[in-house]
PDB file of all heavy atoms in Angstrom:
ATOM      1  N   ILE A   1      76.347 -49.918  12.496  1.00  0.00           N
ATOM      2  CA  ILE A   1      76.376 -51.371  12.677  1.00  0.00           C
ATOM      3  C   ILE A   1      75.764 -51.772  13.989  1.00  0.00           C
ATOM      4  O   ILE A   1      74.884 -52.679  14.021  1.00  0.00           O
ATOM      5  CB  ILE A   1      77.837 -51.884  12.601  1.00  0.00           C
ATOM      6  CG1 ILE A   1      78.356 -51.750  11.142  1.00  0.00           C
ATOM      7  CG2 ILE A   1      77.922 -53.308  13.079  1.00  0.00           C
ATOM      8  CD1 ILE A   1      79.756 -51.998  10.961  1.00  0.00           C
ATOM      9  N   VAL A   2      76.069 -51.041  15.062  1.00  0.00           N
ATOM     10  CA  VAL A   2      75.441 -51.330  16.365  1.00  0.00           C
ATOM     11  C   VAL A   2      73.923 -51.100  16.259  1.00  0.00           C
ATOM     12  O   VAL A   2      73.127 -51.952  16.790  1.00  0.00           O
ATOM     13  CB  VAL A   2      76.023 -50.419  17.499  1.00  0.00           C
ATOM     14  CG1 VAL A   2      75.243 -50.497  18.739  1.00  0.00           C
ATOM     15  CG2 VAL A   2      77.431 -50.836  17.720  1.00  0.00           C
ATOM     16  N   ALA A   3      73.455 -50.101  15.633  1.00  0.00           N
ATOM     17  CA  ALA A   3      72.037 -49.851  15.495  1.00  0.00           C
ATOM     18  C   ALA A   3      71.320 -50.965  14.693  1.00  0.00           C
ATOM     19  O   ALA A   3      70.248 -51.460  15.067  1.00  0.00           O
ATOM     20  CB  ALA A   3      71.706 -48.520  14.809  1.00  0.00           C
ATOM     21  N   LEU A   4      71.963 -51.440  13.612  1.00  0.00           N
ATOM     22  CA  LEU A   4      71.421 -52.532  12.813  1.00  0.00           C
ATOM     23  C   LEU A   4      71.351 -53.826  13.602  1.00  0.00           C
ATOM     24  O   LEU A   4      70.466 -54.618  13.331  1.00  0.00           O
ATOM     25  CB  LEU A   4      72.281 -52.762  11.523  1.00  0.00           C
ATOM     26  CG  LEU A   4      72.183 -51.678  10.498  1.00  0.00           C
ATOM     27  CD1 LEU A   4      73.258 -51.923   9.370  1.00  0.00           C
ATOM     28  CD2 LEU A   4      70.818 -51.556   9.906  1.00  0.00           C
ATOM     29  N   LEU A   5      72.206 -54.058  14.561  1.00  0.00           N
ATOM     30  CA  LEU A   5      72.167 -55.241  15.403  1.00  0.00           C
ATOM     31  C   LEU A   5      71.234 -55.029  16.557  1.00  0.00           C
ATOM     32  O   LEU A   5      70.528 -55.942  16.991  1.00  0.00           O
ATOM     33  CB  LEU A   5      73.558 -55.616  15.860  1.00  0.00           C
ATOM     34  CG  LEU A   5      74.518 -56.046  14.719  1.00  0.00           C
ATOM     35  CD1 LEU A   5      75.909 -56.210  15.331  1.00  0.00           C
ATOM     36  CD2 LEU A   5      74.064 -57.306  14.047  1.00  0.00           C
ATOM     37  N   LEU A   6      71.385 -53.833  17.254  1.00  0.00           N
ATOM     38  CA  LEU A   6      70.673 -53.629  18.492  1.00  0.00           C
ATOM     39  C   LEU A   6      69.166 -53.407  18.358  1.00  0.00           C
ATOM     40  O   LEU A   6      68.386 -53.902  19.204  1.00  0.00           O
ATOM     41  CB  LEU A   6      71.321 -52.366  19.233  1.00  0.00           C
ATOM     42  CG  LEU A   6      70.797 -52.111  20.626  1.00  0.00           C
ATOM     43  CD1 LEU A   6      71.123 -53.267  21.538  1.00  0.00           C
ATOM     44  CD2 LEU A   6      71.436 -50.811  21.113  1.00  0.00           C
ATOM     45  N   ILE A   7      68.711 -52.729  17.316  1.00  0.00           N
ATOM     46  CA  ILE A   7      67.277 -52.473  17.191  1.00  0.00           C
ATOM     47  C   ILE A   7      66.470 -53.737  17.045  1.00  0.00           C
ATOM     48  O   ILE A   7      65.503 -53.902  17.717  1.00  0.00           O
ATOM     49  CB  ILE A   7      67.005 -51.441  16.141  1.00  0.00           C
ATOM     50  CG1 ILE A   7      67.534 -50.054  16.621  1.00  0.00           C
ATOM     51  CG2 ILE A   7      65.543 -51.320  15.756  1.00  0.00           C
ATOM     52  CD1 ILE A   7      67.526 -48.954  15.644  1.00  0.00           C
ATOM     53  N   PRO A   8      66.804 -54.672  16.086  1.00  0.00           N
ATOM     54  CA  PRO A   8      66.046 -55.862  15.985  1.00  0.00           C
ATOM     55  C   PRO A   8      66.107 -56.747  17.292  1.00  0.00           C
ATOM     56  O   PRO A   8      65.129 -57.347  17.709  1.00  0.00           O
ATOM     57  CB  PRO A   8      66.663 -56.672  14.855  1.00  0.00           C
ATOM     58  CG  PRO A   8      67.437 -55.584  14.099  1.00  0.00           C
ATOM     59  CD  PRO A   8      67.755 -54.539  15.011  1.00  0.00           C
ATOM     60  N   GLN A   9      67.215 -56.696  17.910  1.00  0.00           N
ATOM     61  CA  GLN A   9      67.408 -57.423  19.172  1.00  0.00           C
ATOM     62  C   GLN A   9      66.494 -56.788  20.242  1.00  0.00           C
ATOM     63  O   GLN A   9      65.795 -57.531  20.939  1.00  0.00           O
ATOM     64  CB  GLN A   9      68.898 -57.336  19.622  1.00  0.00           C
ATOM     65  CG  GLN A   9      69.222 -58.012  20.926  1.00  0.00           C
ATOM     66  CD  GLN A   9      70.654 -57.801  21.333  1.00  0.00           C
ATOM     67  OE1 GLN A   9      71.480 -57.220  20.630  1.00  0.00           O
ATOM     68  NE2 GLN A   9      71.003 -58.375  22.429  1.00  0.00           N
ATOM     69  N   GLY A  10      66.455 -55.504  20.330  1.00  0.00           N
ATOM     70  CA  GLY A  10      65.551 -54.868  21.241  1.00  0.00           C
ATOM     71  C   GLY A  10      64.069 -55.149  20.980  1.00  0.00           C
ATOM     72  O   GLY A  10      63.329 -55.315  21.945  1.00  0.00           O
ATOM     73  N   LEU A  11      63.682 -55.204  19.706  1.00  0.00           N
ATOM     74  CA  LEU A  11      62.317 -55.529  19.340  1.00  0.00           C
ATOM     75  C   LEU A  11      61.946 -56.937  19.836  1.00  0.00           C
ATOM     76  O   LEU A  11      60.918 -57.186  20.401  1.00  0.00           O
ATOM     77  CB  LEU A  11      62.115 -55.438  17.843  1.00  0.00           C
ATOM     78  CG  LEU A  11      62.283 -54.004  17.191  1.00  0.00           C
ATOM     79  CD1 LEU A  11      62.209 -54.132  15.687  1.00  0.00           C
ATOM     80  CD2 LEU A  11      61.303 -53.071  17.781  1.00  0.00           C
ATOM     81  N   ALA A  12      62.868 -57.911  19.663  1.00  0.00           N
ATOM     82  CA  ALA A  12      62.593 -59.261  20.011  1.00  0.00           C
ATOM     83  C   ALA A  12      62.626 -59.359  21.498  1.00  0.00           C
ATOM     84  O   ALA A  12      61.693 -60.110  22.074  1.00  0.00           O
ATOM     85  CB  ALA A  12      63.732 -60.179  19.445  1.00  0.00           C
ATOM     86  N   TYR A  13      63.483 -58.746  22.229  1.00  0.00           N
ATOM     87  CA  TYR A  13      63.522 -58.837  23.684  1.00  0.00           C
ATOM     88  C   TYR A  13      62.281 -58.145  24.315  1.00  0.00           C
ATOM     89  O   TYR A  13      61.833 -58.615  25.347  1.00  0.00           O
ATOM     90  CB  TYR A  13      64.836 -58.211  24.231  1.00  0.00           C
ATOM     91  CG  TYR A  13      66.029 -59.084  24.006  1.00  0.00           C
ATOM     92  CD1 TYR A  13      67.279 -58.516  24.019  1.00  0.00           C
ATOM     93  CD2 TYR A  13      65.921 -60.384  23.682  1.00  0.00           C
ATOM     94  CE1 TYR A  13      68.446 -59.301  23.810  1.00  0.00           C
ATOM     95  CE2 TYR A  13      67.074 -61.211  23.452  1.00  0.00           C
ATOM     96  CZ  TYR A  13      68.292 -60.639  23.539  1.00  0.00           C
ATOM     97  OH  TYR A  13      69.373 -61.401  23.269  1.00  0.00           O
ATOM     98  N   ALA A  14      61.766 -57.137  23.722  1.00  0.00           N
ATOM     99  CA  ALA A  14      60.561 -56.494  24.211  1.00  0.00           C
ATOM    100  C   ALA A  14      59.383 -57.532  24.114  1.00  0.00           C
ATOM    101  O   ALA A  14      58.602 -57.678  25.093  1.00  0.00           O
ATOM    102  CB  ALA A  14      60.177 -55.286  23.457  1.00  0.00           C
ATOM    103  N   GLN A  15      59.324 -58.245  23.037  1.00  0.00           N
ATOM    104  CA  GLN A  15      58.257 -59.228  22.861  1.00  0.00           C
ATOM    105  C   GLN A  15      58.455 -60.403  23.854  1.00  0.00           C
ATOM    106  O   GLN A  15      57.468 -60.929  24.376  1.00  0.00           O
ATOM    107  CB  GLN A  15      58.162 -59.729  21.441  1.00  0.00           C
ATOM    108  CG  GLN A  15      57.647 -58.617  20.513  1.00  0.00           C
ATOM    109  CD  GLN A  15      57.697 -59.050  19.045  1.00  0.00           C
ATOM    110  OE1 GLN A  15      58.552 -59.731  18.577  1.00  0.00           O
ATOM    111  NE2 GLN A  15      56.743 -58.580  18.327  1.00  0.00           N
ATOM    112  N   LEU A  16      59.729 -60.753  24.133  1.00  0.00           N
ATOM    113  CA  LEU A  16      59.986 -61.771  25.060  1.00  0.00           C
ATOM    114  C   LEU A  16      59.521 -61.367  26.468  1.00  0.00           C
ATOM    115  O   LEU A  16      59.118 -62.183  27.196  1.00  0.00           O
ATOM    116  CB  LEU A  16      61.524 -62.079  25.011  1.00  0.00           C
ATOM    117  CG  LEU A  16      61.963 -63.194  25.990  1.00  0.00           C
ATOM    118  CD1 LEU A  16      61.416 -64.496  25.696  1.00  0.00           C
ATOM    119  CD2 LEU A  16      63.525 -63.228  25.980  1.00  0.00           C
ATOM    120  N   ALA A  17      59.664 -60.078  26.770  1.00  0.00           N
ATOM    121  CA  ALA A  17      59.224 -59.563  28.094  1.00  0.00           C
ATOM    122  C   ALA A  17      57.719 -59.371  28.152  1.00  0.00           C
ATOM    123  O   ALA A  17      57.206 -59.042  29.174  1.00  0.00           O
ATOM    124  CB  ALA A  17      59.914 -58.187  28.358  1.00  0.00           C
ATOM    125  N   GLY A  18      56.995 -59.679  27.028  1.00  0.00           N
ATOM    126  CA  GLY A  18      55.589 -59.468  27.032  1.00  0.00           C
ATOM    127  C   GLY A  18      55.136 -58.043  26.717  1.00  0.00           C
ATOM    128  O   GLY A  18      53.964 -57.691  26.980  1.00  0.00           O
ATOM    129  N   LEU A  19      56.018 -57.246  26.149  1.00  0.00           N
ATOM    130  CA  LEU A  19      55.702 -55.873  25.817  1.00  0.00           C
ATOM    131  C   LEU A  19      55.573 -55.693  24.326  1.00  0.00           C
ATOM    132  O   LEU A  19      56.066 -56.481  23.534  1.00  0.00           O
ATOM    133  CB  LEU A  19      56.832 -54.963  26.358  1.00  0.00           C
ATOM    134  CG  LEU A  19      57.001 -55.052  27.855  1.00  0.00           C
ATOM    135  CD1 LEU A  19      58.316 -54.404  28.324  1.00  0.00           C
ATOM    136  CD2 LEU A  19      55.811 -54.324  28.552  1.00  0.00           C
ATOM    137  N   PRO A  20      54.988 -54.583  23.872  1.00  0.00           N
ATOM    138  CA  PRO A  20      54.940 -54.318  22.456  1.00  0.00           C
ATOM    139  C   PRO A  20      56.303 -54.115  21.952  1.00  0.00           C
ATOM    140  O   PRO A  20      57.189 -53.628  22.612  1.00  0.00           O
ATOM    141  CB  PRO A  20      54.108 -52.940  22.367  1.00  0.00           C
ATOM    142  CG  PRO A  20      53.506 -52.744  23.679  1.00  0.00           C
ATOM    143  CD  PRO A  20      54.257 -53.556  24.724  1.00  0.00           C
ATOM    144  N   ALA A  21      56.540 -54.485  20.664  1.00  0.00           N
ATOM    145  CA  ALA A  21      57.852 -54.395  20.082  1.00  0.00           C
ATOM    146  C   ALA A  21      58.407 -52.989  20.013  1.00  0.00           C
ATOM    147  O   ALA A  21      59.568 -52.760  20.203  1.00  0.00           O
ATOM    148  CB  ALA A  21      57.799 -54.957  18.634  1.00  0.00           C
ATOM    149  N   SER A  22      57.475 -51.984  19.927  1.00  0.00           N
ATOM    150  CA  SER A  22      57.945 -50.560  19.950  1.00  0.00           C
ATOM    151  C   SER A  22      58.688 -50.260  21.242  1.00  0.00           C
ATOM    152  O   SER A  22      59.564 -49.365  21.231  1.00  0.00           O
ATOM    153  CB  SER A  22      56.771 -49.624  19.760  1.00  0.00           C
ATOM    154  OG  SER A  22      55.776 -49.833  20.786  1.00  0.00           O
ATOM    155  N   GLY A  23      58.363 -50.893  22.332  1.00  0.00           N
ATOM    156  CA  GLY A  23      59.022 -50.665  23.621  1.00  0.00           C
ATOM    157  C   GLY A  23      60.467 -51.043  23.501  1.00  0.00           C
ATOM    158  O   GLY A  23      61.361 -50.465  24.201  1.00  0.00           O
ATOM    159  N   GLY A  24      60.803 -51.987  22.628  1.00  0.00           N
ATOM    160  CA  GLY A  24      62.166 -52.401  22.383  1.00  0.00           C
ATOM    161  C   GLY A  24      63.022 -51.316  21.766  1.00  0.00           C
ATOM    162  O   GLY A  24      64.235 -51.222  21.988  1.00  0.00           O
ATOM    163  N   LEU A  25      62.360 -50.428  20.987  1.00  0.00           N
ATOM    164  CA  LEU A  25      63.108 -49.240  20.440  1.00  0.00           C
ATOM    165  C   LEU A  25      63.595 -48.361  21.502  1.00  0.00           C
ATOM    166  O   LEU A  25      64.708 -47.966  21.512  1.00  0.00           O
ATOM    167  CB  LEU A  25      62.202 -48.503  19.445  1.00  0.00           C
ATOM    168  CG  LEU A  25      61.882 -49.246  18.151  1.00  0.00           C
ATOM    169  CD1 LEU A  25      60.888 -48.439  17.320  1.00  0.00           C
ATOM    170  CD2 LEU A  25      63.060 -49.535  17.340  1.00  0.00           C
ATOM    171  N   TYR A  26      62.757 -48.076  22.491  1.00  0.00           N
ATOM    172  CA  TYR A  26      63.155 -47.178  23.623  1.00  0.00           C
ATOM    173  C   TYR A  26      64.179 -47.914  24.431  1.00  0.00           C
ATOM    174  O   TYR A  26      65.131 -47.281  24.927  1.00  0.00           O
ATOM    175  CB  TYR A  26      61.941 -46.855  24.455  1.00  0.00           C
ATOM    176  CG  TYR A  26      60.895 -46.108  23.704  1.00  0.00           C
ATOM    177  CD1 TYR A  26      59.682 -46.594  23.418  1.00  0.00           C
ATOM    178  CD2 TYR A  26      61.177 -44.822  23.221  1.00  0.00           C
ATOM    179  CE1 TYR A  26      58.677 -45.891  22.709  1.00  0.00           C
ATOM    180  CE2 TYR A  26      60.250 -44.064  22.515  1.00  0.00           C
ATOM    181  CZ  TYR A  26      59.015 -44.656  22.284  1.00  0.00           C
ATOM    182  OH  TYR A  26      58.042 -43.915  21.548  1.00  0.00           O
ATOM    183  N   ALA A  27      64.028 -49.208  24.705  1.00  0.00           N
ATOM    184  CA  ALA A  27      64.966 -49.967  25.450  1.00  0.00           C
ATOM    185  C   ALA A  27      66.341 -50.090  24.798  1.00  0.00           C
ATOM    186  O   ALA A  27      67.323 -50.353  25.419  1.00  0.00           O
ATOM    187  CB  ALA A  27      64.422 -51.365  25.793  1.00  0.00           C
ATOM    188  N   SER A  28      66.347 -49.928  23.470  1.00  0.00           N
ATOM    189  CA  SER A  28      67.595 -50.023  22.712  1.00  0.00           C
ATOM    190  C   SER A  28      68.318 -48.644  22.558  1.00  0.00           C
ATOM    191  O   SER A  28      69.536 -48.603  22.663  1.00  0.00           O
ATOM    192  CB  SER A  28      67.319 -50.519  21.312  1.00  0.00           C
ATOM    193  OG  SER A  28      66.769 -51.788  21.292  1.00  0.00           O
ATOM    194  N   ILE A  29      67.483 -47.604  22.454  1.00  0.00           N
ATOM    195  CA  ILE A  29      68.127 -46.302  22.165  1.00  0.00           C
ATOM    196  C   ILE A  29      68.411 -45.466  23.411  1.00  0.00           C
ATOM    197  O   ILE A  29      69.504 -44.928  23.574  1.00  0.00           O
ATOM    198  CB  ILE A  29      67.182 -45.518  21.225  1.00  0.00           C
ATOM    199  CG1 ILE A  29      67.122 -46.238  19.909  1.00  0.00           C
ATOM    200  CG2 ILE A  29      67.678 -44.094  21.043  1.00  0.00           C
ATOM    201  CD1 ILE A  29      65.986 -45.685  18.976  1.00  0.00           C
ATOM    202  N   VAL A  30      67.570 -45.439  24.379  1.00  0.00           N
ATOM    203  CA  VAL A  30      67.662 -44.596  25.538  1.00  0.00           C
ATOM    204  C   VAL A  30      68.858 -45.005  26.350  1.00  0.00           C
ATOM    205  O   VAL A  30      69.661 -44.112  26.776  1.00  0.00           O
ATOM    206  CB  VAL A  30      66.350 -44.574  26.457  1.00  0.00           C
ATOM    207  CG1 VAL A  30      66.531 -43.873  27.716  1.00  0.00           C
ATOM    208  CG2 VAL A  30      65.228 -43.893  25.600  1.00  0.00           C
ATOM    209  N   PRO A  31      69.032 -46.234  26.730  1.00  0.00           N
ATOM    210  CA  PRO A  31      70.281 -46.645  27.512  1.00  0.00           C
ATOM    211  C   PRO A  31      71.556 -46.244  26.847  1.00  0.00           C
ATOM    212  O   PRO A  31      72.575 -45.882  27.519  1.00  0.00           O
ATOM    213  CB  PRO A  31      70.152 -48.174  27.673  1.00  0.00           C
ATOM    214  CG  PRO A  31      68.738 -48.460  27.508  1.00  0.00           C
ATOM    215  CD  PRO A  31      68.241 -47.461  26.483  1.00  0.00           C
ATOM    216  N   VAL A  32      71.623 -46.323  25.496  1.00  0.00           N
ATOM    217  CA  VAL A  32      72.865 -45.994  24.800  1.00  0.00           C
ATOM    218  C   VAL A  32      73.117 -44.511  24.945  1.00  0.00           C
ATOM    219  O   VAL A  32      74.266 -44.029  25.235  1.00  0.00           O
ATOM    220  CB  VAL A  32      72.790 -46.385  23.327  1.00  0.00           C
ATOM    221  CG1 VAL A  32      73.937 -45.839  22.535  1.00  0.00           C
ATOM    222  CG2 VAL A  32      72.689 -47.891  23.209  1.00  0.00           C
TER     223      VAL A  32
END
């Protein structure tokens, strides 16, 4: 459940930061 919520959120936040969406995957998984 956390992954289903966190991964799309990470993708969106990466784009908000001006980064490729794939960077959001790393920002979602590595800190956890």
